């Protein structure tokens, strides 16, 4: 039952993230490169899922709660890394929105 709840929560969180990801890619990517950027992004995502499955398999055999805690920790670390990268587009999104409103 805990697994079903975890998957449900992940799906609820993934929907808005995916829509936002596509919106940002479409807005920020030059038109002539969009196909390449979307394809590269999809390839990286599938590769990340495969690597995650390789790591999660042995961890899940050891402990399901431990696997969920590991997944949550990786998500938090990824978010922190995104904010820590100098010049990250996460910080410039607000600037882009105010620039478009001023135009």
Protein backbone atom coordinates (compact mmCIF):
# COMPACT_ATOMS: atom_id res chain seq x y z
CA UNK A 1 0.00 0.00 0.00
CA UNK A 2 2.86 2.35 0.81
CA UNK A 3 4.27 1.84 -2.68
CA UNK A 4 0.92 2.74 -4.29
CA UNK A 5 0.74 5.95 -2.26
CA UNK A 6 4.35 6.82 -3.14
CA UNK A 7 3.72 6.28 -6.87
CA UNK A 8 0.51 8.32 -6.69
CA UNK A 9 2.32 11.22 -5.01
CA UNK A 10 5.16 11.02 -7.51
CA UNK A 11 2.70 11.14 -10.39
CA UNK A 12 0.87 14.12 -8.93
CA UNK A 13 4.18 15.95 -8.60
CA UNK A 14 5.48 14.89 -12.01
CA UNK A 15 2.56 16.27 -14.03
CA UNK A 16 3.12 19.98 -13.30
CA UNK A 17 6.91 19.51 -13.47
CA UNK A 18 6.70 18.00 -16.94
CA UNK A 19 4.42 20.77 -18.21
CA UNK A 20 6.77 23.41 -16.77
CA UNK A 21 9.80 21.67 -18.26
CA UNK A 22 8.30 21.68 -21.75
CA UNK A 23 7.22 25.31 -21.38
CA UNK A 24 10.73 26.41 -20.34
CA UNK A 25 12.39 24.37 -23.09
CA UNK A 26 10.05 25.84 -25.68
CA UNK A 27 10.52 29.40 -24.40
CA UNK A 28 14.30 29.29 -23.97
CA UNK A 29 15.43 27.11 -26.89
CA UNK A 30 16.15 28.78 -30.21
CA UNK A 31 13.56 27.67 -32.74
CA UNK A 32 16.08 26.03 -35.06
CA UNK A 33 17.47 23.90 -32.18
CA UNK A 34 14.23 22.89 -30.42
CA UNK A 35 14.02 19.42 -31.94
CA UNK A 36 17.60 18.63 -30.99
CA UNK A 37 17.16 20.04 -27.48
CA UNK A 38 13.93 18.13 -26.83
CA UNK A 39 15.46 14.89 -28.15
CA UNK A 40 18.62 15.32 -26.07
CA UNK A 41 16.53 16.06 -22.99
CA UNK A 42 14.43 12.94 -23.54
CA UNK A 43 17.57 10.84 -24.00
CA UNK A 44 19.08 12.14 -20.77
CA UNK A 45 15.83 11.48 -18.91
CA UNK A 46 15.62 7.86 -20.11
CA UNK A 47 19.31 7.33 -19.28
CA UNK A 48 18.72 8.76 -15.81
CA UNK A 49 15.76 6.43 -15.27
CA UNK A 50 17.90 3.45 -16.31
CA UNK A 51 20.74 4.44 -13.97
CA UNK A 52 18.23 5.01 -11.18
CA UNK A 53 16.78 1.54 -11.71
CA UNK A 54 20.27 0.02 -11.54
CA UNK A 55 20.87 1.70 -8.17
CA UNK A 56 17.33 1.25 -6.82
CA UNK A 57 17.14 -2.51 -7.51
CA UNK A 58 19.65 -3.60 -4.87
CA UNK A 59 18.50 -0.89 -2.46
CA UNK A 60 14.84 -1.99 -2.82
CA UNK A 61 15.86 -5.58 -2.08
CA UNK A 62 17.42 -4.31 1.14
CA UNK A 63 14.67 -1.86 2.22
CA UNK A 64 11.66 -0.28 0.50
CA UNK A 65 11.49 2.67 2.93
CA UNK A 66 15.24 3.09 2.42
CA UNK A 67 14.70 3.20 -1.35
CA UNK A 68 12.02 5.87 -1.02
CA UNK A 69 14.23 7.88 1.34
CA UNK A 70 17.12 7.61 -1.12
CA UNK A 71 14.90 8.78 -3.99
CA UNK A 72 13.65 11.74 -1.95
CA UNK A 73 17.22 12.63 -0.94
CA UNK A 74 18.41 12.56 -4.55
CA UNK A 75 15.52 14.85 -5.56
CA UNK A 76 16.39 17.32 -2.78
CA UNK A 77 20.09 17.24 -3.71
CA UNK A 78 19.23 17.87 -7.36
CA UNK A 79 17.11 20.89 -6.42
CA UNK A 80 19.87 22.27 -4.17
CA UNK A 81 22.47 21.73 -6.90
CA UNK A 82 20.29 23.62 -9.36
CA UNK A 83 20.14 26.63 -7.05
CA UNK A 84 23.87 26.42 -6.32
CA UNK A 85 24.98 26.54 -9.97
CA UNK A 86 26.18 30.06 -10.79
CA UNK A 87 24.12 31.61 -13.57
CA UNK A 88 21.43 28.95 -13.22
CA UNK A 89 18.33 29.63 -15.29
CA UNK A 90 16.28 29.00 -12.13
CA UNK A 91 17.30 32.44 -10.90
CA UNK A 92 16.86 34.08 -14.30
CA UNK A 93 13.29 32.85 -14.78
CA UNK A 94 11.96 35.71 -12.66
CA UNK A 95 14.07 38.19 -14.62
CA UNK A 96 12.71 36.79 -17.88
CA UNK A 97 9.13 37.14 -16.68
CA UNK A 98 9.61 40.75 -15.58
CA UNK A 99 11.38 41.55 -18.86
CA UNK A 100 8.43 40.21 -20.89
CA UNK A 101 5.94 42.15 -18.77
CA UNK A 102 7.88 45.39 -19.23
CA UNK A 103 7.91 45.02 -23.03
